[in-house]
């Protein structure tokens, strides 16, 4: 299966949700190597999950484990397959965020003023 490449720009990486795994995690097409050349700290981007301009989930930074947040809350982390994913501590992220493959997962290092 050919995985589409995310769009990598000066201050953003824009990927796509590829599939929902059997736990309900939303698996994207963003891999660690897409973040290797950032001059800023890759642990603290603003991360948005959206569909047709409608925000589904927002978080700051990439967590290390599923338990880096409270039960029932979303978390962004590297999955065992090497892709960035949106998960829900103790639950199903696809159901909670009403999300599906094809949605946008964007990492944004721009300042708040640049995003407005």
PDB file of N, CA and C in Angstrom:
ATOM      1  N   UNK A   1       0.847  -1.189   0.000  1.00  0.00           N
ATOM      2  CA  UNK A   1       0.000   0.000   0.000  1.00  0.00           C
ATOM      3  C   UNK A   1       0.885   1.242   0.000  1.00  0.00           C
ATOM      4  N   UNK A   2       0.677   2.114  -0.959  1.00  0.00           N
ATOM      5  CA  UNK A   2       1.421   3.370  -1.059  1.00  0.00           C
ATOM      6  C   UNK A   2       0.809   4.385  -0.092  1.00  0.00           C
ATOM      7  N   UNK A   3       1.630   4.939   0.799  1.00  0.00           N
ATOM      8  CA  UNK A   3       1.175   5.936   1.768  1.00  0.00           C
ATOM      9  C   UNK A   3       1.447   7.322   1.190  1.00  0.00           C
ATOM     10  N   UNK A   4       0.407   8.166   1.075  1.00  0.00           N
ATOM     11  CA  UNK A   4       0.640   9.519   0.553  1.00  0.00           C
ATOM     12  C   UNK A   4       1.509  10.330   1.510  1.00  0.00           C
ATOM     13  N   UNK A   5       2.356  11.169   0.953  1.00  0.00           N
ATOM     14  CA  UNK A   5       3.238  12.005   1.762  1.00  0.00           C
ATOM     15  C   UNK A   5       2.457  13.207   2.299  1.00  0.00           C
ATOM     16  N   UNK A   6       2.736  13.606   3.542  1.00  0.00           N
ATOM     17  CA  UNK A   6       2.128  14.838   4.044  1.00  0.00           C
ATOM     18  C   UNK A   6       2.763  16.055   3.373  1.00  0.00           C
ATOM     19  N   UNK A   7       2.109  17.186   3.483  1.00  0.00           N
ATOM     20  CA  UNK A   7       2.655  18.438   2.975  1.00  0.00           C
ATOM     21  C   UNK A   7       3.533  19.045   4.055  1.00  0.00           C
ATOM     22  N   UNK A   8       4.803  19.272   3.735  1.00  0.00           N
ATOM     23  CA  UNK A   8       5.757  19.837   4.694  1.00  0.00           C
ATOM     24  C   UNK A   8       6.107  21.242   4.234  1.00  0.00           C
ATOM     25  N   UNK A   9       5.814  22.241   5.089  1.00  0.00           N
ATOM     26  CA  UNK A   9       6.089  23.645   4.775  1.00  0.00           C
ATOM     27  C   UNK A   9       7.039  24.208   5.827  1.00  0.00           C
ATOM     28  N   UNK A  10       7.347  25.497   5.728  1.00  0.00           N
ATOM     29  CA  UNK A  10       8.278  26.133   6.654  1.00  0.00           C
ATOM     30  C   UNK A  10       7.879  25.961   8.116  1.00  0.00           C
ATOM     31  N   UNK A  11       6.607  26.116   8.424  1.00  0.00           N
ATOM     32  CA  UNK A  11       6.182  26.079   9.824  1.00  0.00           C
ATOM     33  C   UNK A  11       5.005  25.142  10.064  1.00  0.00           C
ATOM     34  N   UNK A  12       4.697  24.299   9.096  1.00  0.00           N
ATOM     35  CA  UNK A  12       3.571  23.380   9.250  1.00  0.00           C
ATOM     36  C   UNK A  12       3.857  22.047   8.572  1.00  0.00           C
ATOM     37  N   UNK A  13       3.238  20.997   9.115  1.00  0.00           N
ATOM     38  CA  UNK A  13       3.163  19.712   8.445  1.00  0.00           C
ATOM     39  C   UNK A  13       1.682  19.361   8.417  1.00  0.00           C
ATOM     40  N   UNK A  14       1.158  19.133   7.221  1.00  0.00           N
ATOM     41  CA  UNK A  14      -0.262  18.824   7.083  1.00  0.00           C
ATOM     42  C   UNK A  14      -0.396  17.419   6.531  1.00  0.00           C
ATOM     43  N   UNK A  15      -0.957  16.545   7.362  1.00  0.00           N
ATOM     44  CA  UNK A  15      -1.130  15.155   6.997  1.00  0.00           C
ATOM     45  C   UNK A  15      -2.596  14.777   6.910  1.00  0.00           C
ATOM     46  N   UNK A  16      -2.806  13.490   6.724  1.00  0.00           N
ATOM     47  CA  UNK A  16      -4.140  12.932   6.555  1.00  0.00           C
ATOM     48  C   UNK A  16      -4.297  11.714   7.449  1.00  0.00           C
ATOM     49  N   UNK A  17      -5.489  11.540   7.981  1.00  0.00           N
ATOM     50  CA  UNK A  17      -5.786  10.304   8.708  1.00  0.00           C
ATOM     51  C   UNK A  17      -5.933   9.201   7.673  1.00  0.00           C
ATOM     52  N   UNK A  18      -5.108   8.151   7.784  1.00  0.00           N
ATOM     53  CA  UNK A  18      -5.120   7.046   6.829  1.00  0.00           C
ATOM     54  C   UNK A  18      -6.162   5.998   7.173  1.00  0.00           C
ATOM     55  N   UNK A  19      -6.219   5.644   8.464  1.00  0.00           N
ATOM     56  CA  UNK A  19      -7.150   4.599   8.872  1.00  0.00           C
ATOM     57  C   UNK A  19      -7.394   4.669  10.371  1.00  0.00           C
ATOM     58  N   UNK A  20      -8.412   3.944  10.802  1.00  0.00           N
ATOM     59  CA  UNK A  20      -8.733   3.795  12.216  1.00  0.00           C
ATOM     60  C   UNK A  20      -8.350   2.370  12.597  1.00  0.00           C
ATOM     61  N   UNK A  21      -7.479   2.226  13.612  1.00  0.00           N
ATOM     62  CA  UNK A  21      -7.067   0.874  14.012  1.00  0.00           C
ATOM     63  C   UNK A  21      -8.145   0.214  14.886  1.00  0.00           C
ATOM     64  N   UNK A  22      -7.901  -1.016  15.312  1.00  0.00           N
ATOM     65  CA  UNK A  22      -8.924  -1.760  16.053  1.00  0.00           C
ATOM     66  C   UNK A  22      -9.176  -1.219  17.461  1.00  0.00           C
ATOM     67  N   UNK A  23      -8.342  -0.294  17.939  1.00  0.00           N
ATOM     68  CA  UNK A  23      -8.572   0.371  19.225  1.00  0.00           C
ATOM     69  C   UNK A  23      -9.361   1.680  19.059  1.00  0.00           C
ATOM     70  N   UNK A  24      -9.540   2.110  17.801  1.00  0.00           N
ATOM     71  CA  UNK A  24     -10.202   3.380  17.538  1.00  0.00           C
ATOM     72  C   UNK A  24      -9.238   4.542  17.425  1.00  0.00           C
ATOM     73  N   UNK A  25      -7.921   4.257  17.373  1.00  0.00           N
ATOM     74  CA  UNK A  25      -6.922   5.306  17.195  1.00  0.00           C
ATOM     75  C   UNK A  25      -6.931   5.761  15.739  1.00  0.00           C
ATOM     76  N   UNK A  26      -6.746   7.057  15.533  1.00  0.00           N
ATOM     77  CA  UNK A  26      -6.721   7.647  14.194  1.00  0.00           C
ATOM     78  C   UNK A  26      -5.271   7.733  13.736  1.00  0.00           C
ATOM     79  N   UNK A  27      -4.889   6.917  12.783  1.00  0.00           N
ATOM     80  CA  UNK A  27      -3.495   6.806  12.348  1.00  0.00           C
ATOM     81  C   UNK A  27      -3.274   7.695  11.120  1.00  0.00           C
ATOM     82  N   UNK A  28      -2.275   8.578  11.222  1.00  0.00           N
ATOM     83  CA  UNK A  28      -1.988   9.532  10.139  1.00  0.00           C
ATOM     84  C   UNK A  28      -0.850   9.047   9.246  1.00  0.00           C
ATOM     85  N   UNK A  29      -0.546   9.866   8.241  1.00  0.00           N
ATOM     86  CA  UNK A  29       0.579   9.579   7.346  1.00  0.00           C
ATOM     87  C   UNK A  29       1.831  10.363   7.736  1.00  0.00           C
ATOM     88  N   UNK A  30       1.864  10.942   8.939  1.00  0.00           N
ATOM     89  CA  UNK A  30       3.018  11.724   9.400  1.00  0.00           C
ATOM     90  C   UNK A  30       3.978  10.815  10.168  1.00  0.00           C
ATOM     91  N   UNK A  31       5.239  10.760   9.698  1.00  0.00           N
ATOM     92  CA  UNK A  31       6.274   9.955  10.348  1.00  0.00           C
ATOM     93  C   UNK A  31       7.300  10.881  11.008  1.00  0.00           C
ATOM     94  N   UNK A  32       8.082  10.319  11.916  1.00  0.00           N
ATOM     95  CA  UNK A  32       9.107  11.100  12.630  1.00  0.00           C
ATOM     96  C   UNK A  32      10.032  11.855  11.685  1.00  0.00           C
ATOM     97  N   UNK A  33      10.409  11.225  10.585  1.00  0.00           N
ATOM     98  CA  UNK A  33      11.358  11.882   9.678  1.00  0.00           C
ATOM     99  C   UNK A  33      10.789  13.165   9.060  1.00  0.00           C
ATOM    100  N   UNK A  34       9.468  13.315   9.055  1.00  0.00           N
ATOM    101  CA  UNK A  34       8.879  14.557   8.552  1.00  0.00           C
ATOM    102  C   UNK A  34       9.145  15.729   9.497  1.00  0.00           C
ATOM    103  N   UNK A  35       9.560  15.430  10.737  1.00  0.00           N
ATOM    104  CA  UNK A  35       9.806  16.474  11.726  1.00  0.00           C
ATOM    105  C   UNK A  35      11.288  16.671  12.031  1.00  0.00           C
ATOM    106  N   UNK A  36      12.163  15.899  11.420  1.00  0.00           N
ATOM    107  CA  UNK A  36      13.584  15.926  11.747  1.00  0.00           C
ATOM    108  C   UNK A  36      14.279  17.247  11.461  1.00  0.00           C
ATOM    109  N   UNK A  37      13.809  18.015  10.506  1.00  0.00           N
ATOM    110  CA  UNK A  37      14.513  19.225  10.097  1.00  0.00           C
ATOM    111  C   UNK A  37      13.984  20.501  10.738  1.00  0.00           C
ATOM    112  N   UNK A  38      13.128  20.364  11.753  1.00  0.00           N
ATOM    113  CA  UNK A  38      12.590  21.567  12.384  1.00  0.00           C
ATOM    114  C   UNK A  38      13.640  22.238  13.244  1.00  0.00           C
ATOM    115  N   UNK A  39      13.720  23.549  13.125  1.00  0.00           N
ATOM    116  CA  UNK A  39      14.661  24.316  13.943  1.00  0.00           C
ATOM    117  C   UNK A  39      14.069  24.588  15.316  1.00  0.00           C
ATOM    118  N   UNK A  40      12.741  24.559  15.423  1.00  0.00           N
ATOM    119  CA  UNK A  40      12.075  24.731  16.708  1.00  0.00           C
ATOM    120  C   UNK A  40      11.907  23.368  17.355  1.00  0.00           C
ATOM    121  N   UNK A  41      11.465  23.355  18.590  1.00  0.00           N
ATOM    122  CA  UNK A  41      11.271  22.102  19.317  1.00  0.00           C
ATOM    123  C   UNK A  41      10.071  21.342  18.763  1.00  0.00           C
ATOM    124  N   UNK A  42      10.263  20.149  18.185  1.00  0.00           N
ATOM    125  CA  UNK A  42       9.142  19.418  17.596  1.00  0.00           C
ATOM    126  C   UNK A  42       8.186  18.837  18.640  1.00  0.00           C
ATOM    127  N   UNK A  43       8.465  19.040  19.918  1.00  0.00           N
ATOM    128  CA  UNK A  43       7.582  18.508  20.948  1.00  0.00           C
ATOM    129  C   UNK A  43       6.438  19.453  21.284  1.00  0.00           C
ATOM    130  N   UNK A  44       6.437  20.666  20.730  1.00  0.00           N
ATOM    131  CA  UNK A  44       5.402  21.605  21.140  1.00  0.00           C
ATOM    132  C   UNK A  44       4.630  22.302  20.020  1.00  0.00           C
ATOM    133  N   UNK A  45       4.297  21.627  18.942  1.00  0.00           N
ATOM    134  CA  UNK A  45       3.450  22.290  17.948  1.00  0.00           C
ATOM    135  C   UNK A  45       1.988  22.300  18.410  1.00  0.00           C
ATOM    136  N   UNK A  46       1.213  23.200  17.835  1.00  0.00           N
ATOM    137  CA  UNK A  46      -0.236  23.155  17.972  1.00  0.00           C
ATOM    138  C   UNK A  46      -0.705  22.087  16.986  1.00  0.00           C
ATOM    139  N   UNK A  47      -1.519  21.163  17.442  1.00  0.00           N
ATOM    140  CA  UNK A  47      -1.960  20.064  16.578  1.00  0.00           C
ATOM    141  C   UNK A  47      -3.484  20.123  16.460  1.00  0.00           C
ATOM    142  N   UNK A  48      -3.955  20.114  15.202  1.00  0.00           N
ATOM    143  CA  UNK A  48      -5.386  20.191  14.939  1.00  0.00           C
ATOM    144  C   UNK A  48      -5.837  18.977  14.130  1.00  0.00           C
ATOM    145  N   UNK A  49      -6.981  18.426  14.518  1.00  0.00           N
ATOM    146  CA  UNK A  49      -7.651  17.396  13.735  1.00  0.00           C
ATOM    147  C   UNK A  49      -8.917  18.055  13.220  1.00  0.00           C
ATOM    148  N   UNK A  50      -9.081  18.098  11.898  1.00  0.00           N
ATOM    149  CA  UNK A  50     -10.243  18.788  11.357  1.00  0.00           C
ATOM    150  C   UNK A  50     -10.777  18.114  10.100  1.00  0.00           C
ATOM    151  N   UNK A  51     -12.061  18.380   9.833  1.00  0.00           N
ATOM    152  CA  UNK A  51     -12.704  17.883   8.620  1.00  0.00           C
ATOM    153  C   UNK A  51     -13.503  19.034   8.023  1.00  0.00           C
ATOM    154  N   UNK A  52     -13.236  19.338   6.766  1.00  0.00           N
ATOM    155  CA  UNK A  52     -13.943  20.402   6.055  1.00  0.00           C
ATOM    156  C   UNK A  52     -13.965  21.698   6.851  1.00  0.00           C
ATOM    157  N   UNK A  53     -12.828  22.033   7.478  1.00  0.00           N
ATOM    158  CA  UNK A  53     -12.723  23.263   8.244  1.00  0.00           C
ATOM    159  C   UNK A  53     -13.346  23.216   9.622  1.00  0.00           C
ATOM    160  N   UNK A  54     -13.937  22.086   9.992  1.00  0.00           N
ATOM    161  CA  UNK A  54     -14.559  21.931  11.315  1.00  0.00           C
ATOM    162  C   UNK A  54     -13.568  21.250  12.258  1.00  0.00           C
ATOM    163  N   UNK A  55     -13.237  21.927  13.343  1.00  0.00           N
ATOM    164  CA  UNK A  55     -12.270  21.410  14.306  1.00  0.00           C
ATOM    165  C   UNK A  55     -12.849  20.242  15.087  1.00  0.00           C
ATOM    166  N   UNK A  56     -12.129  19.111  15.129  1.00  0.00           N
ATOM    167  CA  UNK A  56     -12.551  17.919  15.866  1.00  0.00           C
ATOM    168  C   UNK A  56     -11.815  17.782  17.196  1.00  0.00           C
ATOM    169  N   UNK A  57     -10.529  18.160  17.191  1.00  0.00           N
ATOM    170  CA  UNK A  57      -9.683  17.998  18.376  1.00  0.00           C
ATOM    171  C   UNK A  57      -8.491  18.916  18.221  1.00  0.00           C
ATOM    172  N   UNK A  58      -8.017  19.448  19.345  1.00  0.00           N
ATOM    173  CA  UNK A  58      -6.837  20.307  19.330  1.00  0.00           C
ATOM    174  C   UNK A  58      -5.979  19.970  20.548  1.00  0.00           C
ATOM    175  N   UNK A  59      -4.678  19.998  20.381  1.00  0.00           N
ATOM    176  CA  UNK A  59      -3.764  19.686  21.484  1.00  0.00           C
ATOM    177  C   UNK A  59      -2.438  20.398  21.220  1.00  0.00           C
ATOM    178  N   UNK A  60      -1.609  20.450  22.245  1.00  0.00           N
ATOM    179  CA  UNK A  60      -0.268  21.011  22.115  1.00  0.00           C
ATOM    180  C   UNK A  60       0.733  19.904  22.379  1.00  0.00           C
ATOM    181  N   UNK A  61       1.672  19.720  21.474  1.00  0.00           N
ATOM    182  CA  UNK A  61       2.757  18.788  21.695  1.00  0.00           C
ATOM    183  C   UNK A  61       2.415  17.340  21.414  1.00  0.00           C
ATOM    184  N   UNK A  62       3.458  16.540  21.414  1.00  0.00           N
ATOM    185  CA  UNK A  62       3.357  15.103  21.163  1.00  0.00           C
ATOM    186  C   UNK A  62       3.693  14.385  22.454  1.00  0.00           C
ATOM    187  N   UNK A  63       2.788  13.544  22.905  1.00  0.00           N
ATOM    188  CA  UNK A  63       2.966  12.824  24.167  1.00  0.00           C
ATOM    189  C   UNK A  63       3.807  11.569  23.973  1.00  0.00           C
ATOM    190  N   UNK A  64       4.275  11.027  25.081  1.00  0.00           N
ATOM    191  CA  UNK A  64       5.078   9.801  25.062  1.00  0.00           C
ATOM    192  C   UNK A  64       4.224   8.537  25.199  1.00  0.00           C
ATOM    193  N   UNK A  65       3.147   8.631  25.989  1.00  0.00           N
ATOM    194  CA  UNK A  65       2.308   7.455  26.237  1.00  0.00           C
ATOM    195  C   UNK A  65       0.833   7.838  26.212  1.00  0.00           C
ATOM    196  N   UNK A  66      -0.012   6.816  26.136  1.00  0.00           N
ATOM    197  CA  UNK A  66      -1.461   7.025  26.144  1.00  0.00           C
ATOM    198  C   UNK A  66      -1.940   7.604  27.472  1.00  0.00           C
ATOM    199  N   UNK A  67      -1.185   7.391  28.527  1.00  0.00           N
ATOM    200  CA  UNK A  67      -1.605   7.849  29.852  1.00  0.00           C
ATOM    201  C   UNK A  67      -1.044   9.223  30.222  1.00  0.00           C
ATOM    202  N   UNK A  68      -0.518   9.952  29.242  1.00  0.00           N
ATOM    203  CA  UNK A  68      -0.031  11.311  29.505  1.00  0.00           C
ATOM    204  C   UNK A  68      -1.176  12.307  29.669  1.00  0.00           C
ATOM    205  N   UNK A  69      -2.393  11.829  29.586  1.00  0.00           N
ATOM    206  CA  UNK A  69      -3.562  12.681  29.799  1.00  0.00           C
ATOM    207  C   UNK A  69      -4.544  11.927  30.699  1.00  0.00           C
ATOM    208  N   UNK A  70      -5.573  12.607  31.128  1.00  0.00           N
ATOM    209  CA  UNK A  70      -6.586  11.991  31.980  1.00  0.00           C
ATOM    210  C   UNK A  70      -7.437  10.999  31.187  1.00  0.00           C
ATOM    211  N   UNK A  71      -7.994   9.976  31.854  1.00  0.00           N
ATOM    212  CA  UNK A  71      -8.890   9.055  31.150  1.00  0.00           C
ATOM    213  C   UNK A  71     -10.022   9.815  30.460  1.00  0.00           C
ATOM    214  N   UNK A  72     -10.326   9.400  29.230  1.00  0.00           N
ATOM    215  CA  UNK A  72     -11.385  10.040  28.468  1.00  0.00           C
ATOM    216  C   UNK A  72     -10.941  11.239  27.656  1.00  0.00           C
ATOM    217  N   UNK A  73      -9.655  11.596  27.757  1.00  0.00           N
ATOM    218  CA  UNK A  73      -9.121  12.734  27.013  1.00  0.00           C
ATOM    219  C   UNK A  73      -8.251  12.256  25.852  1.00  0.00           C
ATOM    220  N   UNK A  74      -8.148  13.100  24.839  1.00  0.00           N
ATOM    221  CA  UNK A  74      -7.352  12.777  23.665  1.00  0.00           C
ATOM    222  C   UNK A  74      -5.882  13.015  23.884  1.00  0.00           C
ATOM    223  N   UNK A  75      -5.086  12.315  23.095  1.00  0.00           N
ATOM    224  CA  UNK A  75      -3.636  12.429  23.168  1.00  0.00           C
ATOM    225  C   UNK A  75      -3.065  12.200  21.760  1.00  0.00           C
ATOM    226  N   UNK A  76      -1.992  12.903  21.435  1.00  0.00           N
ATOM    227  CA  UNK A  76      -1.284  12.731  20.162  1.00  0.00           C
ATOM    228  C   UNK A  76       0.044  12.061  20.490  1.00  0.00           C
ATOM    229  N   UNK A  77       0.349  10.951  19.810  1.00  0.00           N
ATOM    230  CA  UNK A  77       1.605  10.252  20.080  1.00  0.00           C
ATOM    231  C   UNK A  77       2.036   9.432  18.887  1.00  0.00           C
ATOM    232  N   UNK A  78       3.271   8.955  18.956  1.00  0.00           N
ATOM    233  CA  UNK A  78       3.806   8.083  17.910  1.00  0.00           C
ATOM    234  C   UNK A  78       3.312   6.668  18.165  1.00  0.00           C
ATOM    235  N   UNK A  79       2.651   6.082  17.185  1.00  0.00           N
ATOM    236  CA  UNK A  79       2.181   4.709  17.310  1.00  0.00           C
ATOM    237  C   UNK A  79       3.308   3.726  17.068  1.00  0.00           C
ATOM    238  N   UNK A  80       3.057   2.469  17.369  1.00  0.00           N
ATOM    239  CA  UNK A  80       4.074   1.432  17.206  1.00  0.00           C
ATOM    240  C   UNK A  80       4.475   1.244  15.741  1.00  0.00           C
ATOM    241  N   UNK A  81       3.635   1.713  14.813  1.00  0.00           N
ATOM    242  CA  UNK A  81       3.946   1.601  13.389  1.00  0.00           C
ATOM    243  C   UNK A  81       4.788   2.763  12.878  1.00  0.00           C
ATOM    244  N   UNK A  82       5.122   3.725  13.775  1.00  0.00           N
ATOM    245  CA  UNK A  82       5.961   4.853  13.403  1.00  0.00           C
ATOM    246  C   UNK A  82       5.214   6.069  12.892  1.00  0.00           C
ATOM    247  N   UNK A  83       3.890   5.989  12.846  1.00  0.00           N
ATOM    248  CA  UNK A  83       3.082   7.108  12.380  1.00  0.00           C
ATOM    249  C   UNK A  83       2.463   7.845  13.560  1.00  0.00           C
ATOM    250  N   UNK A  84       2.258   9.151  13.388  1.00  0.00           N
ATOM    251  CA  UNK A  84       1.610   9.959  14.407  1.00  0.00           C
ATOM    252  C   UNK A  84       0.122   9.595  14.445  1.00  0.00           C
ATOM    253  N   UNK A  85      -0.419   9.453  15.666  1.00  0.00           N
ATOM    254  CA  UNK A  85      -1.832   9.102  15.766  1.00  0.00           C
ATOM    255  C   UNK A  85      -2.535   9.881  16.865  1.00  0.00           C
ATOM    256  N   UNK A  86      -3.835   9.972  16.728  1.00  0.00           N
ATOM    257  CA  UNK A  86      -4.703  10.577  17.728  1.00  0.00           C
ATOM    258  C   UNK A  86      -5.371   9.422  18.453  1.00  0.00           C
ATOM    259  N   UNK A  87      -5.221   9.397  19.772  1.00  0.00           N
ATOM    260  CA  UNK A  87      -5.788   8.315  20.572  1.00  0.00           C
ATOM    261  C   UNK A  87      -6.622   8.916  21.701  1.00  0.00           C
ATOM    262  N   UNK A  88      -7.355   8.067  22.371  1.00  0.00           N
ATOM    263  CA  UNK A  88      -8.162   8.466  23.514  1.00  0.00           C
ATOM    264  C   UNK A  88      -7.774   7.568  24.677  1.00  0.00           C
ATOM    265  N   UNK A  89      -7.357   8.167  25.790  1.00  0.00           N
ATOM    266  CA  UNK A  89      -6.963   7.386  26.962  1.00  0.00           C
ATOM    267  C   UNK A  89      -8.183   6.604  27.459  1.00  0.00           C
ATOM    268  N   UNK A  90      -8.128   5.286  27.267  1.00  0.00           N
ATOM    269  CA  UNK A  90      -9.199   4.410  27.737  1.00  0.00           C
ATOM    270  C   UNK A  90     -10.433   4.390  26.863  1.00  0.00           C
ATOM    271  N   UNK A  91     -10.315   4.829  25.612  1.00  0.00           N
ATOM    272  CA  UNK A  91     -11.499   4.860  24.765  1.00  0.00           C
ATOM    273  C   UNK A  91     -11.177   4.861  23.288  1.00  0.00           C
ATOM    274  N   UNK A  92     -12.189   5.165  22.492  1.00  0.00           N
ATOM    275  CA  UNK A  92     -12.123   5.120  21.049  1.00  0.00           C
ATOM    276  C   UNK A  92     -12.119   6.551  20.501  1.00  0.00           C
ATOM    277  N   UNK A  93     -10.978   6.992  19.967  1.00  0.00           N
ATOM    278  CA  UNK A  93     -10.844   8.368  19.466  1.00  0.00           C
ATOM    279  C   UNK A  93     -11.744   8.622  18.261  1.00  0.00           C
ATOM    280  N   UNK A  94     -11.876   7.640  17.380  1.00  0.00           N
ATOM    281  CA  UNK A  94     -12.709   7.827  16.186  1.00  0.00           C
ATOM    282  C   UNK A  94     -14.154   8.126  16.571  1.00  0.00           C
ATOM    283  N   UNK A  95     -14.650   7.425  17.577  1.00  0.00           N
ATOM    284  CA  UNK A  95     -16.023   7.641  18.043  1.00  0.00           C
ATOM    285  C   UNK A  95     -16.137   8.962  18.788  1.00  0.00           C
ATOM    286  N   UNK A  96     -15.239   9.219  19.716  1.00  0.00           N
ATOM    287  CA  UNK A  96     -15.284  10.432  20.545  1.00  0.00           C
ATOM    288  C   UNK A  96     -15.230  11.706  19.697  1.00  0.00           C
ATOM    289  N   UNK A  97     -14.337  11.727  18.698  1.00  0.00           N
ATOM    290  CA  UNK A  97     -14.149  12.926  17.892  1.00  0.00           C
ATOM    291  C   UNK A  97     -14.924  12.885  16.577  1.00  0.00           C
ATOM    292  N   UNK A  98     -15.742  11.824  16.410  1.00  0.00           N
ATOM    293  CA  UNK A  98     -16.552  11.671  15.187  1.00  0.00           C
ATOM    294  C   UNK A  98     -15.670  11.842  13.945  1.00  0.00           C
ATOM    295  N   UNK A  99     -14.548  11.123  13.941  1.00  0.00           N
ATOM    296  CA  UNK A  99     -13.548  11.264  12.882  1.00  0.00           C
ATOM    297  C   UNK A  99     -13.417   9.996  12.073  1.00  0.00           C
ATOM    298  N   UNK A 100     -12.849  10.151  10.879  1.00  0.00           N
ATOM    299  CA  UNK A 100     -12.688   9.020   9.968  1.00  0.00           C
ATOM    300  C   UNK A 100     -11.505   9.277   9.035  1.00  0.00           C
ATOM    301  N   UNK A 101     -11.090   8.264   8.280  1.00  0.00           N
ATOM    302  CA  UNK A 101      -9.994   8.458   7.328  1.00  0.00           C
ATOM    303  C   UNK A 101     -10.300   9.589   6.347  1.00  0.00           C
ATOM    304  N   UNK A 102      -9.242  10.283   5.952  1.00  0.00           N
ATOM    305  CA  UNK A 102      -9.371  11.388   5.014  1.00  0.00           C
ATOM    306  C   UNK A 102      -9.373  12.750   5.679  1.00  0.00           C
ATOM    307  N   UNK A 103      -9.521  12.789   7.000  1.00  0.00           N
ATOM    308  CA  UNK A 103      -9.503  14.068   7.702  1.00  0.00           C
ATOM    309  C   UNK A 103      -8.077  14.591   7.819  1.00  0.00           C
ATOM    310  N   UNK A 104      -7.952  15.875   8.091  1.00  0.00           N
ATOM    311  CA  UNK A 104      -6.650  16.545   8.164  1.00  0.00           C
ATOM    312  C   UNK A 104      -6.100  16.512   9.579  1.00  0.00           C
ATOM    313  N   UNK A 105      -4.814  16.177   9.709  1.00  0.00           N
ATOM    314  CA  UNK A 105      -4.084  16.305  10.965  1.00  0.00           C
ATOM    315  C   UNK A 105      -2.939  17.263  10.679  1.00  0.00           C
ATOM    316  N   UNK A 106      -2.972  18.449  11.308  1.00  0.00           N
ATOM    317  CA  UNK A 106      -1.988  19.491  11.016  1.00  0.00           C
ATOM    318  C   UNK A 106      -1.169  19.829  12.245  1.00  0.00           C
ATOM    319  N   UNK A 107       0.141  19.900  12.073  1.00  0.00           N
ATOM    320  CA  UNK A 107       1.060  20.354  13.111  1.00  0.00           C
ATOM    321  C   UNK A 107       1.517  21.743  12.713  1.00  0.00           C
ATOM    322  N   UNK A 108       1.453  22.681  13.650  1.00  0.00           N
ATOM    323  CA  UNK A 108       1.674  24.088  13.322  1.00  0.00           C
ATOM    324  C   UNK A 108       2.605  24.721  14.343  1.00  0.00           C
ATOM    325  N   UNK A 109       3.754  25.210  13.867  1.00  0.00           N
ATOM    326  CA  UNK A 109       4.731  25.861  14.739  1.00  0.00           C
ATOM    327  C   UNK A 109       4.675  27.380  14.649  1.00  0.00           C
ATOM    328  N   UNK A 110       3.731  27.919  13.885  1.00  0.00           N
ATOM    329  CA  UNK A 110       3.622  29.376  13.767  1.00  0.00           C
ATOM    330  C   UNK A 110       3.192  29.966  15.105  1.00  0.00           C
ATOM    331  N   UNK A 111       3.520  31.221  15.311  1.00  0.00           N
ATOM    332  CA  UNK A 111       3.078  31.899  16.529  1.00  0.00           C
ATOM    333  C   UNK A 111       1.571  32.115  16.464  1.00  0.00           C
ATOM    334  N   UNK A 112       0.972  32.359  17.604  1.00  0.00           N
ATOM    335  CA  UNK A 112      -0.472  32.586  17.663  1.00  0.00           C
ATOM    336  C   UNK A 112      -0.866  33.729  16.734  1.00  0.00           C
ATOM    337  N   UNK A 113      -0.076  34.796  16.682  1.00  0.00           N
ATOM    338  CA  UNK A 113      -0.391  35.951  15.842  1.00  0.00           C
ATOM    339  C   UNK A 113      -0.382  35.604  14.355  1.00  0.00           C
ATOM    340  N   UNK A 114       0.469  34.674  13.959  1.00  0.00           N
ATOM    341  CA  UNK A 114       0.533  34.278  12.551  1.00  0.00           C
ATOM    342  C   UNK A 114      -0.659  33.413  12.158  1.00  0.00           C
ATOM    343  N   UNK A 115      -1.290  32.741  13.126  1.00  0.00           N
ATOM    344  CA  UNK A 115      -2.408  31.847  12.842  1.00  0.00           C
ATOM    345  C   UNK A 115      -3.716  32.594  12.658  1.00  0.00           C
ATOM    346  N   UNK A 116      -3.779  33.821  13.153  1.00  0.00           N
ATOM    347  CA  UNK A 116      -5.041  34.583  13.109  1.00  0.00           C
ATOM    348  C   UNK A 116      -5.249  35.173  11.730  1.00  0.00           C
TER     349      UNK A 116
END
